[in-house]
């Protein structure tokens, strides 16, 4: 879920939180169902002919090895951004974001 360019920090937090909850739920469902969705069809988990833990890790990490970044999102990297926002959760004190924000 992209964040609008001119979003304030409060909106950014809400968007990220919602996106992370959605992505986490999708990953949990995929693991429970024993497959990840991809354009070519489902890809079984934990099978000799399926994906490896490395592939699952790439999907959570949201790097170039991700099985389906549009569906499973950017959970790990959005976590970094959320951590950068904990300095001033309500933006009450105008404290700058942490170094993981960019």
PDB file of N, CA and C in Angstrom:
ATOM      1  N   UNK A   1       0.851  -1.169   0.000  1.00  0.00           N
ATOM      2  CA  UNK A   1       0.000   0.000   0.000  1.00  0.00           C
ATOM      3  C   UNK A   1       0.895   1.230   0.000  1.00  0.00           C
ATOM      4  N   UNK A   2       0.954   1.961  -1.080  1.00  0.00           N
ATOM      5  CA  UNK A   2       1.834   3.124  -1.156  1.00  0.00           C
ATOM      6  C   UNK A   2       1.350   4.251  -0.255  1.00  0.00           C
ATOM      7  N   UNK A   3       2.300   5.010   0.242  1.00  0.00           N
ATOM      8  CA  UNK A   3       1.982   6.151   1.093  1.00  0.00           C
ATOM      9  C   UNK A   3       1.979   7.398   0.214  1.00  0.00           C
ATOM     10  N   UNK A   4       0.903   8.190   0.275  1.00  0.00           N
ATOM     11  CA  UNK A   4       0.874   9.416  -0.533  1.00  0.00           C
ATOM     12  C   UNK A   4       2.067  10.312  -0.216  1.00  0.00           C
ATOM     13  N   UNK A   5       2.590  10.966  -1.219  1.00  0.00           N
ATOM     14  CA  UNK A   5       3.809  11.755  -1.072  1.00  0.00           C
ATOM     15  C   UNK A   5       3.686  12.839  -0.006  1.00  0.00           C
ATOM     16  N   UNK A   6       2.523  13.454   0.118  1.00  0.00           N
ATOM     17  CA  UNK A   6       2.362  14.566   1.063  1.00  0.00           C
ATOM     18  C   UNK A   6       1.659  14.143   2.353  1.00  0.00           C
ATOM     19  N   UNK A   7       1.677  12.854   2.670  1.00  0.00           N
ATOM     20  CA  UNK A   7       1.021  12.374   3.888  1.00  0.00           C
ATOM     21  C   UNK A   7       1.775  12.858   5.115  1.00  0.00           C
ATOM     22  N   UNK A   8       1.021  13.267   6.149  1.00  0.00           N
ATOM     23  CA  UNK A   8       1.680  13.641   7.398  1.00  0.00           C
ATOM     24  C   UNK A   8       2.032  12.367   8.176  1.00  0.00           C
ATOM     25  N   UNK A   9       2.779  12.515   9.254  1.00  0.00           N
ATOM     26  CA  UNK A   9       3.249  11.340   9.989  1.00  0.00           C
ATOM     27  C   UNK A   9       2.105  10.525  10.574  1.00  0.00           C
ATOM     28  N   UNK A  10       1.066  11.177  11.052  1.00  0.00           N
ATOM     29  CA  UNK A  10      -0.068  10.441  11.625  1.00  0.00           C
ATOM     30  C   UNK A  10      -0.732   9.572  10.549  1.00  0.00           C
ATOM     31  N   UNK A  11      -0.938  10.135   9.359  1.00  0.00           N
ATOM     32  CA  UNK A  11      -1.522   9.364   8.258  1.00  0.00           C
ATOM     33  C   UNK A  11      -0.588   8.237   7.837  1.00  0.00           C
ATOM     34  N   UNK A  12       0.702   8.525   7.794  1.00  0.00           N
ATOM     35  CA  UNK A  12       1.689   7.509   7.430  1.00  0.00           C
ATOM     36  C   UNK A  12       1.610   6.329   8.384  1.00  0.00           C
ATOM     37  N   UNK A  13       1.521   6.606   9.686  1.00  0.00           N
ATOM     38  CA  UNK A  13       1.413   5.530  10.682  1.00  0.00           C
ATOM     39  C   UNK A  13       0.173   4.679  10.440  1.00  0.00           C
ATOM     40  N   UNK A  14      -0.950   5.334  10.190  1.00  0.00           N
ATOM     41  CA  UNK A  14      -2.200   4.596   9.968  1.00  0.00           C
ATOM     42  C   UNK A  14      -2.119   3.726   8.720  1.00  0.00           C
ATOM     43  N   UNK A  15      -1.582   4.292   7.648  1.00  0.00           N
ATOM     44  CA  UNK A  15      -1.462   3.544   6.388  1.00  0.00           C
ATOM     45  C   UNK A  15      -0.529   2.360   6.581  1.00  0.00           C
ATOM     46  N   UNK A  16       0.627   2.590   7.212  1.00  0.00           N
ATOM     47  CA  UNK A  16       1.591   1.509   7.430  1.00  0.00           C
ATOM     48  C   UNK A  16       1.020   0.420   8.325  1.00  0.00           C
ATOM     49  N   UNK A  17       0.343   0.835   9.386  1.00  0.00           N
ATOM     50  CA  UNK A  17      -0.229  -0.149  10.312  1.00  0.00           C
ATOM     51  C   UNK A  17      -1.236  -1.032   9.584  1.00  0.00           C
ATOM     52  N   UNK A  18      -2.114  -0.431   8.811  1.00  0.00           N
ATOM     53  CA  UNK A  18      -3.118  -1.185   8.062  1.00  0.00           C
ATOM     54  C   UNK A  18      -2.458  -2.119   7.039  1.00  0.00           C
ATOM     55  N   UNK A  19      -1.457  -1.611   6.332  1.00  0.00           N
ATOM     56  CA  UNK A  19      -0.751  -2.424   5.333  1.00  0.00           C
ATOM     57  C   UNK A  19      -0.036  -3.591   5.995  1.00  0.00           C
ATOM     58  N   UNK A  20       0.615  -3.325   7.127  1.00  0.00           N
ATOM     59  CA  UNK A  20       1.341  -4.390   7.815  1.00  0.00           C
ATOM     60  C   UNK A  20       0.388  -5.452   8.348  1.00  0.00           C
ATOM     61  N   UNK A  21      -0.753  -5.034   8.876  1.00  0.00           N
ATOM     62  CA  UNK A  21      -1.741  -6.009   9.360  1.00  0.00           C
ATOM     63  C   UNK A  21      -2.258  -6.865   8.207  1.00  0.00           C
ATOM     64  N   UNK A  22      -2.547  -6.239   7.082  1.00  0.00           N
ATOM     65  CA  UNK A  22      -3.025  -6.975   5.907  1.00  0.00           C
ATOM     66  C   UNK A  22      -1.969  -7.949   5.408  1.00  0.00           C
ATOM     67  N   UNK A  23      -0.736  -7.482   5.272  1.00  0.00           N
ATOM     68  CA  UNK A  23       0.347  -8.339   4.775  1.00  0.00           C
ATOM     69  C   UNK A  23       0.633  -9.490   5.733  1.00  0.00           C
ATOM     70  N   UNK A  24       0.619  -9.205   7.021  1.00  0.00           N
ATOM     71  CA  UNK A  24       0.851 -10.256   8.019  1.00  0.00           C
ATOM     72  C   UNK A  24      -0.252 -11.316   7.938  1.00  0.00           C
ATOM     73  N   UNK A  25      -1.484 -10.871   7.834  1.00  0.00           N
ATOM     74  CA  UNK A  25      -2.605 -11.814   7.737  1.00  0.00           C
ATOM     75  C   UNK A  25      -2.473 -12.665   6.477  1.00  0.00           C
ATOM     76  N   UNK A  26      -2.134 -12.044   5.355  1.00  0.00           N
ATOM     77  CA  UNK A  26      -1.974 -12.811   4.115  1.00  0.00           C
ATOM     78  C   UNK A  26      -0.872 -13.856   4.234  1.00  0.00           C
ATOM     79  N   UNK A  27       0.230 -13.499   4.875  1.00  0.00           N
ATOM     80  CA  UNK A  27       1.318 -14.463   5.068  1.00  0.00           C
ATOM     81  C   UNK A  27       0.888 -15.590   6.004  1.00  0.00           C
ATOM     82  N   UNK A  28       0.184 -15.258   7.084  1.00  0.00           N
ATOM     83  CA  UNK A  28      -0.308 -16.290   8.012  1.00  0.00           C
ATOM     84  C   UNK A  28      -1.260 -17.249   7.308  1.00  0.00           C
ATOM     85  N   UNK A  29      -2.157 -16.714   6.494  1.00  0.00           N
ATOM     86  CA  UNK A  29      -3.101 -17.557   5.749  1.00  0.00           C
ATOM     87  C   UNK A  29      -2.346 -18.450   4.771  1.00  0.00           C
ATOM     88  N   UNK A  30      -1.362 -17.889   4.082  1.00  0.00           N
ATOM     89  CA  UNK A  30      -0.581 -18.683   3.126  1.00  0.00           C
ATOM     90  C   UNK A  30       0.132 -19.833   3.825  1.00  0.00           C
ATOM     91  N   UNK A  31       0.706 -19.568   4.973  1.00  0.00           N
ATOM     92  CA  UNK A  31       1.414 -20.616   5.719  1.00  0.00           C
ATOM     93  C   UNK A  31       0.424 -21.665   6.208  1.00  0.00           C
ATOM     94  N   UNK A  32      -0.722 -21.223   6.708  1.00  0.00           N
ATOM     95  CA  UNK A  32      -1.743 -22.169   7.189  1.00  0.00           C
ATOM     96  C   UNK A  32      -2.280 -23.039   6.047  1.00  0.00           C
ATOM     97  N   UNK A  33      -2.407 -22.459   4.867  1.00  0.00           N
ATOM     98  CA  UNK A  33      -2.909 -23.208   3.702  1.00  0.00           C
ATOM     99  C   UNK A  33      -1.826 -24.033   3.027  1.00  0.00           C
ATOM    100  N   UNK A  34      -0.586 -23.795   3.408  1.00  0.00           N
ATOM    101  CA  UNK A  34       0.559 -24.528   2.879  1.00  0.00           C
ATOM    102  C   UNK A  34       0.917 -24.135   1.444  1.00  0.00           C
ATOM    103  N   UNK A  35       0.586 -22.900   1.043  1.00  0.00           N
ATOM    104  CA  UNK A  35       1.029 -22.423  -0.268  1.00  0.00           C
ATOM    105  C   UNK A  35       1.003 -20.897  -0.334  1.00  0.00           C
ATOM    106  N   UNK A  36       1.847 -20.363  -1.182  1.00  0.00           N
ATOM    107  CA  UNK A  36       1.861 -18.936  -1.489  1.00  0.00           C
ATOM    108  C   UNK A  36       1.247 -18.745  -2.870  1.00  0.00           C
ATOM    109  N   UNK A  37       0.497 -17.674  -3.013  1.00  0.00           N
ATOM    110  CA  UNK A  37      -0.098 -17.346  -4.308  1.00  0.00           C
ATOM    111  C   UNK A  37       0.929 -16.619  -5.166  1.00  0.00           C
ATOM    112  N   UNK A  38       0.934 -16.933  -6.444  1.00  0.00           N
ATOM    113  CA  UNK A  38       1.743 -16.216  -7.423  1.00  0.00           C
ATOM    114  C   UNK A  38       0.955 -16.165  -8.715  1.00  0.00           C
ATOM    115  N   UNK A  39       1.416 -15.375  -9.662  1.00  0.00           N
ATOM    116  CA  UNK A  39       0.688 -15.216 -10.923  1.00  0.00           C
ATOM    117  C   UNK A  39       0.478 -16.540 -11.644  1.00  0.00           C
ATOM    118  N   UNK A  40       1.469 -17.419 -11.588  1.00  0.00           N
ATOM    119  CA  UNK A  40       1.397 -18.706 -12.292  1.00  0.00           C
ATOM    120  C   UNK A  40       0.542 -19.727 -11.549  1.00  0.00           C
ATOM    121  N   UNK A  41       0.040 -19.387 -10.379  1.00  0.00           N
ATOM    122  CA  UNK A  41      -0.742 -20.310  -9.572  1.00  0.00           C
ATOM    123  C   UNK A  41      -0.077 -20.553  -8.229  1.00  0.00           C
ATOM    124  N   UNK A  42      -0.719 -21.338  -7.377  1.00  0.00           N
ATOM    125  CA  UNK A  42      -0.180 -21.550  -6.031  1.00  0.00           C
ATOM    126  C   UNK A  42       1.151 -22.294  -6.047  1.00  0.00           C
ATOM    127  N   UNK A  43       1.987 -21.949  -5.086  1.00  0.00           N
ATOM    128  CA  UNK A  43       3.282 -22.598  -4.928  1.00  0.00           C
ATOM    129  C   UNK A  43       3.334 -23.203  -3.529  1.00  0.00           C
ATOM    130  N   UNK A  44       3.416 -24.519  -3.462  1.00  0.00           N
ATOM    131  CA  UNK A  44       3.362 -25.246  -2.192  1.00  0.00           C
ATOM    132  C   UNK A  44       4.555 -24.909  -1.298  1.00  0.00           C
ATOM    133  N   UNK A  45       4.292 -24.861  -0.029  1.00  0.00           N
ATOM    134  CA  UNK A  45       5.340 -24.658   0.971  1.00  0.00           C
ATOM    135  C   UNK A  45       5.843 -26.000   1.473  1.00  0.00           C
ATOM    136  N   UNK A  46       7.059 -26.010   1.917  1.00  0.00           N
ATOM    137  CA  UNK A  46       7.627 -27.152   2.645  1.00  0.00           C
ATOM    138  C   UNK A  46       7.609 -28.463   1.871  1.00  0.00           C
ATOM    139  N   UNK A  47       7.679 -28.417   0.580  1.00  0.00           N
ATOM    140  CA  UNK A  47       7.704 -29.629  -0.231  1.00  0.00           C
ATOM    141  C   UNK A  47       8.990 -29.641  -1.050  1.00  0.00           C
ATOM    142  N   UNK A  48       9.420 -30.821  -1.452  1.00  0.00           N
ATOM    143  CA  UNK A  48      10.623 -30.911  -2.274  1.00  0.00           C
ATOM    144  C   UNK A  48      10.470 -30.145  -3.584  1.00  0.00           C
ATOM    145  N   UNK A  49       9.251 -30.116  -4.123  1.00  0.00           N
ATOM    146  CA  UNK A  49       9.023 -29.415  -5.386  1.00  0.00           C
ATOM    147  C   UNK A  49       8.468 -28.006  -5.173  1.00  0.00           C
ATOM    148  N   UNK A  50       8.346 -27.579  -3.915  1.00  0.00           N
ATOM    149  CA  UNK A  50       7.800 -26.258  -3.609  1.00  0.00           C
ATOM    150  C   UNK A  50       8.888 -25.267  -3.264  1.00  0.00           C
ATOM    151  N   UNK A  51       8.529 -24.268  -2.510  1.00  0.00           N
ATOM    152  CA  UNK A  51       9.506 -23.243  -2.166  1.00  0.00           C
ATOM    153  C   UNK A  51      10.244 -23.626  -0.894  1.00  0.00           C
ATOM    154  N   UNK A  52      11.366 -23.019  -0.695  1.00  0.00           N
ATOM    155  CA  UNK A  52      12.192 -23.281   0.475  1.00  0.00           C
ATOM    156  C   UNK A  52      11.937 -22.214   1.537  1.00  0.00           C
ATOM    157  N   UNK A  53      12.509 -22.413   2.690  1.00  0.00           N
ATOM    158  CA  UNK A  53      12.424 -21.396   3.735  1.00  0.00           C
ATOM    159  C   UNK A  53      13.091 -20.104   3.253  1.00  0.00           C
ATOM    160  N   UNK A  54      14.101 -20.233   2.413  1.00  0.00           N
ATOM    161  CA  UNK A  54      14.759 -19.053   1.845  1.00  0.00           C
ATOM    162  C   UNK A  54      13.753 -18.234   1.028  1.00  0.00           C
ATOM    163  N   UNK A  55      12.943 -18.907   0.215  1.00  0.00           N
ATOM    164  CA  UNK A  55      11.934 -18.211  -0.593  1.00  0.00           C
ATOM    165  C   UNK A  55      10.897 -17.524   0.296  1.00  0.00           C
ATOM    166  N   UNK A  56      10.490 -18.219   1.348  1.00  0.00           N
ATOM    167  CA  UNK A  56       9.527 -17.632   2.281  1.00  0.00           C
ATOM    168  C   UNK A  56      10.146 -16.418   2.967  1.00  0.00           C
ATOM    169  N   UNK A  57      11.422 -16.541   3.352  1.00  0.00           N
ATOM    170  CA  UNK A  57      12.125 -15.415   3.964  1.00  0.00           C
ATOM    171  C   UNK A  57      12.224 -14.226   3.027  1.00  0.00           C
ATOM    172  N   UNK A  58      12.482 -14.488   1.752  1.00  0.00           N
ATOM    173  CA  UNK A  58      12.537 -13.405   0.759  1.00  0.00           C
ATOM    174  C   UNK A  58      11.187 -12.714   0.625  1.00  0.00           C
ATOM    175  N   UNK A  59      10.116 -13.467   0.752  1.00  0.00           N
ATOM    176  CA  UNK A  59       8.775 -12.888   0.651  1.00  0.00           C
ATOM    177  C   UNK A  59       8.494 -11.988   1.846  1.00  0.00           C
ATOM    178  N   UNK A  60       8.892 -12.409   3.037  1.00  0.00           N
ATOM    179  CA  UNK A  60       8.706 -11.576   4.236  1.00  0.00           C
ATOM    180  C   UNK A  60       9.635 -10.367   4.166  1.00  0.00           C
ATOM    181  N   UNK A  61      10.861 -10.592   3.743  1.00  0.00           N
ATOM    182  CA  UNK A  61      11.859  -9.523   3.626  1.00  0.00           C
ATOM    183  C   UNK A  61      11.477  -8.528   2.532  1.00  0.00           C
ATOM    184  N   UNK A  62      10.709  -8.990   1.559  1.00  0.00           N
ATOM    185  CA  UNK A  62      10.256  -8.172   0.423  1.00  0.00           C
ATOM    186  C   UNK A  62      11.430  -7.739  -0.448  1.00  0.00           C
ATOM    187  N   UNK A  63      12.318  -8.680  -0.718  1.00  0.00           N
ATOM    188  CA  UNK A  63      13.422  -8.372  -1.619  1.00  0.00           C
ATOM    189  C   UNK A  63      13.129  -8.953  -3.001  1.00  0.00           C
ATOM    190  N   UNK A  64      14.116  -8.960  -3.893  1.00  0.00           N
ATOM    191  CA  UNK A  64      13.853  -9.380  -5.273  1.00  0.00           C
ATOM    192  C   UNK A  64      13.467 -10.849  -5.393  1.00  0.00           C
ATOM    193  N   UNK A  65      13.680 -11.652  -4.370  1.00  0.00           N
ATOM    194  CA  UNK A  65      13.291 -13.057  -4.395  1.00  0.00           C
ATOM    195  C   UNK A  65      11.877 -13.303  -3.891  1.00  0.00           C
ATOM    196  N   UNK A  66      11.144 -12.243  -3.581  1.00  0.00           N
ATOM    197  CA  UNK A  66       9.783 -12.383  -3.061  1.00  0.00           C
ATOM    198  C   UNK A  66       8.895 -13.115  -4.066  1.00  0.00           C
ATOM    199  N   UNK A  67       8.079 -14.017  -3.572  1.00  0.00           N
ATOM    200  CA  UNK A  67       7.193 -14.805  -4.427  1.00  0.00           C
ATOM    201  C   UNK A  67       6.120 -13.931  -5.080  1.00  0.00           C
ATOM    202  N   UNK A  68       5.539 -13.005  -4.322  1.00  0.00           N
ATOM    203  CA  UNK A  68       4.488 -12.145  -4.864  1.00  0.00           C
ATOM    204  C   UNK A  68       4.451 -10.843  -4.060  1.00  0.00           C
ATOM    205  N   UNK A  69       5.323  -9.874  -4.379  1.00  0.00           N
ATOM    206  CA  UNK A  69       5.385  -8.646  -3.592  1.00  0.00           C
ATOM    207  C   UNK A  69       4.105  -7.814  -3.620  1.00  0.00           C
ATOM    208  N   UNK A  70       3.337  -7.903  -4.689  1.00  0.00           N
ATOM    209  CA  UNK A  70       2.091  -7.134  -4.735  1.00  0.00           C
ATOM    210  C   UNK A  70       1.069  -7.668  -3.742  1.00  0.00           C
ATOM    211  N   UNK A  71       1.038  -8.971  -3.544  1.00  0.00           N
ATOM    212  CA  UNK A  71       0.078  -9.569  -2.616  1.00  0.00           C
ATOM    213  C   UNK A  71       0.588  -9.564  -1.183  1.00  0.00           C
ATOM    214  N   UNK A  72       1.860  -9.925  -0.988  1.00  0.00           N
ATOM    215  CA  UNK A  72       2.390 -10.078   0.368  1.00  0.00           C
ATOM    216  C   UNK A  72       3.093  -8.841   0.890  1.00  0.00           C
ATOM    217  N   UNK A  73       3.254  -7.855   0.051  1.00  0.00           N
ATOM    218  CA  UNK A  73       3.704  -6.544   0.475  1.00  0.00           C
ATOM    219  C   UNK A  73       5.143  -6.434   0.916  1.00  0.00           C
ATOM    220  N   UNK A  74       5.347  -5.528   1.819  1.00  0.00           N
ATOM    221  CA  UNK A  74       6.659  -5.067   2.218  1.00  0.00           C
ATOM    222  C   UNK A  74       6.765  -5.102   3.745  1.00  0.00           C
ATOM    223  N   UNK A  75       6.356  -6.204   4.339  1.00  0.00           N
ATOM    224  CA  UNK A  75       6.205  -6.306   5.789  1.00  0.00           C
ATOM    225  C   UNK A  75       7.487  -5.942   6.538  1.00  0.00           C
ATOM    226  N   UNK A  76       8.577  -6.549   6.203  1.00  0.00           N
ATOM    227  CA  UNK A  76       9.827  -6.319   6.919  1.00  0.00           C
ATOM    228  C   UNK A  76      10.281  -4.858   6.818  1.00  0.00           C
ATOM    229  N   UNK A  77      10.280  -4.336   5.611  1.00  0.00           N
ATOM    230  CA  UNK A  77      10.766  -2.974   5.410  1.00  0.00           C
ATOM    231  C   UNK A  77       9.829  -1.943   6.039  1.00  0.00           C
ATOM    232  N   UNK A  78       8.524  -2.184   5.983  1.00  0.00           N
ATOM    233  CA  UNK A  78       7.584  -1.286   6.658  1.00  0.00           C
ATOM    234  C   UNK A  78       7.781  -1.332   8.168  1.00  0.00           C
ATOM    235  N   UNK A  79       8.221  -2.466   8.679  1.00  0.00           N
ATOM    236  CA  UNK A  79       8.549  -2.560  10.103  1.00  0.00           C
ATOM    237  C   UNK A  79       9.668  -1.609  10.482  1.00  0.00           C
ATOM    238  N   UNK A  80      10.646  -1.465   9.602  1.00  0.00           N
ATOM    239  CA  UNK A  80      11.728  -0.504   9.853  1.00  0.00           C
ATOM    240  C   UNK A  80      11.164   0.913   9.953  1.00  0.00           C
ATOM    241  N   UNK A  81      10.276   1.253   9.046  1.00  0.00           N
ATOM    242  CA  UNK A  81       9.690   2.594   9.053  1.00  0.00           C
ATOM    243  C   UNK A  81       8.877   2.804  10.327  1.00  0.00           C
ATOM    244  N   UNK A  82       8.088   1.816  10.725  1.00  0.00           N
ATOM    245  CA  UNK A  82       7.302   1.940  11.959  1.00  0.00           C
ATOM    246  C   UNK A  82       8.211   2.150  13.172  1.00  0.00           C
ATOM    247  N   UNK A  83       9.328   1.431  13.211  1.00  0.00           N
ATOM    248  CA  UNK A  83      10.277   1.620  14.312  1.00  0.00           C
ATOM    249  C   UNK A  83      10.851   3.030  14.309  1.00  0.00           C
ATOM    250  N   UNK A  84      11.044   3.597  13.139  1.00  0.00           N
ATOM    251  CA  UNK A  84      11.573   4.952  13.046  1.00  0.00           C
ATOM    252  C   UNK A  84      10.576   5.985  13.561  1.00  0.00           C
ATOM    253  N   UNK A  85       9.307   5.625  13.593  1.00  0.00           N
ATOM    254  CA  UNK A  85       8.267   6.561  14.028  1.00  0.00           C
ATOM    255  C   UNK A  85       7.974   6.504  15.521  1.00  0.00           C
ATOM    256  N   UNK A  86       8.606   5.600  16.270  1.00  0.00           N
ATOM    257  CA  UNK A  86       8.280   5.457  17.688  1.00  0.00           C
ATOM    258  C   UNK A  86       8.835   6.584  18.555  1.00  0.00           C
ATOM    259  N   UNK A  87       9.749   7.381  18.026  1.00  0.00           N
ATOM    260  CA  UNK A  87      10.311   8.488  18.805  1.00  0.00           C
ATOM    261  C   UNK A  87       9.235   9.437  19.316  1.00  0.00           C
ATOM    262  N   UNK A  88       8.238   9.678  18.507  1.00  0.00           N
ATOM    263  CA  UNK A  88       7.181  10.634  18.839  1.00  0.00           C
ATOM    264  C   UNK A  88       5.887  10.143  18.182  1.00  0.00           C
ATOM    265  N   UNK A  89       5.245   9.112  18.767  1.00  0.00           N
ATOM    266  CA  UNK A  89       4.109   8.456  18.101  1.00  0.00           C
ATOM    267  C   UNK A  89       2.978   9.387  17.693  1.00  0.00           C
ATOM    268  N   UNK A  90       2.703  10.410  18.476  1.00  0.00           N
ATOM    269  CA  UNK A  90       1.610  11.329  18.159  1.00  0.00           C
ATOM    270  C   UNK A  90       2.084  12.582  17.445  1.00  0.00           C
ATOM    271  N   UNK A  91       3.389  12.670  17.193  1.00  0.00           N
ATOM    272  CA  UNK A  91       3.992  13.864  16.620  1.00  0.00           C
ATOM    273  C   UNK A  91       3.702  15.084  17.480  1.00  0.00           C
ATOM    274  N   UNK A  92       3.530  14.828  18.763  1.00  0.00           N
ATOM    275  CA  UNK A  92       3.190  15.865  19.728  1.00  0.00           C
ATOM    276  C   UNK A  92       4.356  16.814  19.986  1.00  0.00           C
ATOM    277  N   UNK A  93       5.587  16.278  19.915  1.00  0.00           N
ATOM    278  CA  UNK A  93       6.758  17.072  20.283  1.00  0.00           C
ATOM    279  C   UNK A  93       7.610  17.484  19.091  1.00  0.00           C
ATOM    280  N   UNK A  94       7.184  17.071  17.899  1.00  0.00           N
ATOM    281  CA  UNK A  94       7.911  17.428  16.695  1.00  0.00           C
ATOM    282  C   UNK A  94       9.291  16.800  16.600  1.00  0.00           C
ATOM    283  N   UNK A  95       9.489  15.658  17.261  1.00  0.00           N
ATOM    284  CA  UNK A  95      10.780  14.970  17.216  1.00  0.00           C
ATOM    285  C   UNK A  95      10.917  14.311  15.845  1.00  0.00           C
ATOM    286  N   UNK A  96      12.108  14.442  15.272  1.00  0.00           N
ATOM    287  CA  UNK A  96      12.348  13.852  13.960  1.00  0.00           C
ATOM    288  C   UNK A  96      12.255  12.336  14.021  1.00  0.00           C
ATOM    289  N   UNK A  97      11.952  11.759  12.864  1.00  0.00           N
ATOM    290  CA  UNK A  97      11.898  10.305  12.779  1.00  0.00           C
ATOM    291  C   UNK A  97      13.291   9.719  12.947  1.00  0.00           C
ATOM    292  N   UNK A  98      13.328   8.435  13.289  1.00  0.00           N
ATOM    293  CA  UNK A  98      14.596   7.749  13.454  1.00  0.00           C
ATOM    294  C   UNK A  98      15.268   7.476  12.113  1.00  0.00           C
ATOM    295  N   UNK A  99      16.490   6.962  12.155  1.00  0.00           N
ATOM    296  CA  UNK A  99      17.264   6.774  10.915  1.00  0.00           C
ATOM    297  C   UNK A  99      16.698   5.720   9.966  1.00  0.00           C
ATOM    298  N   UNK A 100      15.795   4.871  10.424  1.00  0.00           N
ATOM    299  CA  UNK A 100      15.260   3.822   9.560  1.00  0.00           C
ATOM    300  C   UNK A 100      14.092   4.303   8.711  1.00  0.00           C
ATOM    301  N   UNK A 101      13.719   5.572   8.835  1.00  0.00           N
ATOM    302  CA  UNK A 101      12.552   6.098   8.119  1.00  0.00           C
ATOM    303  C   UNK A 101      12.758   6.127   6.613  1.00  0.00           C
ATOM    304  N   UNK A 102      13.936   6.482   6.172  1.00  0.00           N
ATOM    305  CA  UNK A 102      14.196   6.567   4.734  1.00  0.00           C
ATOM    306  C   UNK A 102      14.477   5.225   4.246  1.00  0.00           C
TER     307      UNK A 102
END
